C-alpha atoms as a PDB file:
ATOM      1  CA  UNK A   1      -0.091   0.228   0.078  1.00  0.00           C
ATOM      2  CA  UNK A   2       1.129   3.108  -1.012  1.00  0.00           C
ATOM      3  CA  UNK A   3       1.706   6.220   1.807  1.00  0.00           C
ATOM      4  CA  UNK A   4       0.828   9.453   1.237  1.00  0.00           C
ATOM      5  CA  UNK A   5       3.742  12.198   1.962  1.00  0.00           C
ATOM      6  CA  UNK A   6       3.208  13.367   5.808  1.00  0.00           C
ATOM      7  CA  UNK A   7       2.575  17.217   5.746  1.00  0.00           C
ATOM      8  CA  UNK A   8       3.427  19.199   8.889  1.00  0.00           C
ATOM      9  CA  UNK A   9       1.703  22.705  10.110  1.00  0.00           C
ATOM     10  CA  UNK A  10       1.953  24.810  12.848  1.00  0.00           C
ATOM     11  CA  UNK A  11      -0.908  25.513  14.404  1.00  0.00           C
ATOM     12  CA  UNK A  12      -1.300  28.382  17.193  1.00  0.00           C
ATOM     13  CA  UNK A  13      -1.684  27.717  20.795  1.00  0.00           C
ATOM     14  CA  UNK A  14      -4.136  30.397  22.377  1.00  0.00           C
ATOM     15  CA  UNK A  15      -4.523  30.204  25.816  1.00  0.00           C
ATOM     16  CA  UNK A  16      -8.041  28.644  27.214  1.00  0.00           C
ATOM     17  CA  UNK A  17      -8.599  32.188  29.238  1.00  0.00           C
ATOM     18  CA  UNK A  18      -8.076  34.075  25.667  1.00  0.00           C
ATOM     19  CA  UNK A  19     -10.826  31.822  23.980  1.00  0.00           C
ATOM     20  CA  UNK A  20     -13.236  32.899  27.569  1.00  0.00           C
ATOM     21  CA  UNK A  21     -12.504  36.722  26.895  1.00  0.00           C
ATOM     22  CA  UNK A  22     -12.815  36.914  23.003  1.00  0.00           C
ATOM     23  CA  UNK A  23     -15.857  34.161  22.933  1.00  0.00           C
ATOM     24  CA  UNK A  24     -17.634  33.743  25.975  1.00  0.00           C
ATOM     25  CA  UNK A  25     -17.823  37.174  27.986  1.00  0.00           C
ATOM     26  CA  UNK A  26     -15.394  35.823  30.192  1.00  0.00           C
ATOM     27  CA  UNK A  27     -17.827  32.620  31.447  1.00  0.00           C
ATOM     28  CA  UNK A  28     -17.254  29.321  30.817  1.00  0.00           C
ATOM     29  CA  UNK A  29     -20.069  27.199  29.502  1.00  0.00           C
ATOM     30  CA  UNK A  30     -21.910  24.864  31.478  1.00  0.00           C
ATOM     31  CA  UNK A  31     -20.031  21.922  29.848  1.00  0.00           C
ATOM     32  CA  UNK A  32     -16.113  21.477  29.105  1.00  0.00           C
ATOM     33  CA  UNK A  33     -14.605  18.849  27.336  1.00  0.00           C
ATOM     34  CA  UNK A  34     -10.978  18.404  27.099  1.00  0.00           C
ATOM     35  CA  UNK A  35      -9.323  15.832  25.026  1.00  0.00           C
ATOM     36  CA  UNK A  36      -5.850  17.842  25.033  1.00  0.00           C
ATOM     37  CA  UNK A  37      -3.506  14.375  24.429  1.00  0.00           C
ATOM     38  CA  UNK A  38      -1.609  14.517  27.514  1.00  0.00           C
ATOM     39  CA  UNK A  39      -1.793  17.910  28.414  1.00  0.00           C
ATOM     40  CA  UNK A  40      -4.786  17.652  29.998  1.00  0.00           C
ATOM     41  CA  UNK A  41      -4.071  18.731  33.473  1.00  0.00           C
ATOM     42  CA  UNK A  42      -1.760  21.695  32.633  1.00  0.00           C
ATOM     43  CA  UNK A  43      -5.129  22.706  30.860  1.00  0.00           C
ATOM     44  CA  UNK A  44      -6.929  22.477  34.114  1.00  0.00           C
ATOM     45  CA  UNK A  45      -4.466  24.064  35.712  1.00  0.00           C
ATOM     46  CA  UNK A  46      -4.691  27.299  33.715  1.00  0.00           C
ATOM     47  CA  UNK A  47      -8.371  27.775  35.361  1.00  0.00           C
ATOM     48  CA  UNK A  48      -9.004  30.426  37.561  1.00  0.00           C
ATOM     49  CA  UNK A  49     -11.505  28.761  39.742  1.00  0.00           C
ATOM     50  CA  UNK A  50     -12.205  31.774  42.308  1.00  0.00           C
ATOM     51  CA  UNK A  51     -13.563  33.218  38.926  1.00  0.00           C
ATOM     52  CA  UNK A  52     -16.373  31.481  36.527  1.00  0.00           C
ATOM     53  CA  UNK A  53     -16.150  27.704  36.272  1.00  0.00           C
ATOM     54  CA  UNK A  54     -17.914  25.125  34.266  1.00  0.00           C
ATOM     55  CA  UNK A  55     -20.976  22.943  36.328  1.00  0.00           C
ATOM     56  CA  UNK A  56     -19.572  19.561  34.084  1.00  0.00           C
ATOM     57  CA  UNK A  57     -15.798  19.111  33.056  1.00  0.00           C
ATOM     58  CA  UNK A  58     -15.835  15.949  31.022  1.00  0.00           C
ATOM     59  CA  UNK A  59     -11.813  15.181  30.813  1.00  0.00           C
ATOM     60  CA  UNK A  60      -9.285  12.170  29.484  1.00  0.00           C
ATOM     61  CA  UNK A  61      -8.190  10.668  32.454  1.00  0.00           C
ATOM     62  CA  UNK A  62      -6.691   7.716  30.802  1.00  0.00           C
ATOM     63  CA  UNK A  63      -2.538   8.487  30.556  1.00  0.00           C
ATOM     64  CA  UNK A  64      -1.637   9.349  27.090  1.00  0.00           C
ATOM     65  CA  UNK A  65      -0.136   5.951  25.776  1.00  0.00           C
ATOM     66  CA  UNK A  66      -1.495   3.677  28.384  1.00  0.00           C
ATOM     67  CA  UNK A  67      -4.568   2.109  30.012  1.00  0.00           C
ATOM     68  CA  UNK A  68      -4.265   3.719  33.605  1.00  0.00           C
ATOM     69  CA  UNK A  69      -5.536   6.388  35.190  1.00  0.00           C
ATOM     70  CA  UNK A  70      -4.202   9.884  35.795  1.00  0.00           C
ATOM     71  CA  UNK A  71      -4.946  10.631  39.838  1.00  0.00           C
ATOM     72  CA  UNK A  72      -3.522  13.883  39.305  1.00  0.00           C
ATOM     73  CA  UNK A  73      -6.524  15.054  37.639  1.00  0.00           C
ATOM     74  CA  UNK A  74      -9.034  13.851  39.907  1.00  0.00           C
ATOM     75  CA  UNK A  75      -7.313  14.729  43.204  1.00  0.00           C
ATOM     76  CA  UNK A  76      -6.793  18.273  41.777  1.00  0.00           C
ATOM     77  CA  UNK A  77     -10.325  18.608  40.136  1.00  0.00           C
ATOM     78  CA  UNK A  78     -11.407  17.522  43.673  1.00  0.00           C
ATOM     79  CA  UNK A  79      -9.507  20.178  45.567  1.00  0.00           C
ATOM     80  CA  UNK A  80     -11.267  22.476  43.672  1.00  0.00           C
ATOM     81  CA  UNK A  81     -14.859  21.427  44.653  1.00  0.00           C
ATOM     82  CA  UNK A  82     -15.606  19.033  41.243  1.00  0.00           C
ATOM     83  CA  UNK A  83     -16.876  15.189  42.159  1.00  0.00           C
ATOM     84  CA  UNK A  84     -16.676  12.795  39.766  1.00  0.00           C
ATOM     85  CA  UNK A  85     -19.463  10.294  39.661  1.00  0.00           C
ATOM     86  CA  UNK A  86     -19.363   9.123  36.514  1.00  0.00           C
ATOM     87  CA  UNK A  87     -16.317   7.407  34.677  1.00  0.00           C
ATOM     88  CA  UNK A  88     -15.654   5.848  30.954  1.00  0.00           C
ATOM     89  CA  UNK A  89     -12.864   3.430  30.386  1.00  0.00           C
ATOM     90  CA  UNK A  90     -11.468   6.718  29.383  1.00  0.00           C
ATOM     91  CA  UNK A  91     -12.853   9.666  30.420  1.00  0.00           C
ATOM     92  CA  UNK A  92     -14.037  10.624  33.670  1.00  0.00           C
ATOM     93  CA  UNK A  93     -17.117  13.535  34.261  1.00  0.00           C
ATOM     94  CA  UNK A  94     -16.165  15.627  37.192  1.00  0.00           C
ATOM     95  CA  UNK A  95     -19.700  18.104  38.460  1.00  0.00           C
ATOM     96  CA  UNK A  96     -19.027  20.681  40.535  1.00  0.00           C
ATOM     97  CA  UNK A  97     -20.242  19.950  44.117  1.00  0.00           C
ATOM     98  CA  UNK A  98     -23.110  22.951  44.377  1.00  0.00           C
ATOM     99  CA  UNK A  99     -24.522  21.171  40.941  1.00  0.00           C
ATOM    100  CA  UNK A 100     -24.505  17.407  41.889  1.00  0.00           C
ATOM    101  CA  UNK A 101     -26.491  18.316  45.224  1.00  0.00           C
ATOM    102  CA  UNK A 102     -28.982  20.283  42.795  1.00  0.00           C
ATOM    103  CA  UNK A 103     -29.134  17.167  40.450  1.00  0.00           C
ATOM    104  CA  UNK A 104     -29.793  14.484  43.092  1.00  0.00           C
END
């Protein structure tokens, strides 16, 4: 089978806060879904949790290139007021505790 030539492109990286400022009036949408191929924790650490936060965060918690979960993500988000009521083999669904109590 013939392989096609690979092309590479540089894609600008924009900080999450800049996206919120430009497109969301500095407010998170209710749902944030993150899949950044191993950079998920770093992205989550950029959020200012004293300001606007999403009600629900879905994040790929499996360690990139393995089948194990990255418990640092769970520990970090729990420290920011989230609970993790649901998991799939790849993702974990975190809900802000104040919202979770309202859903029960």
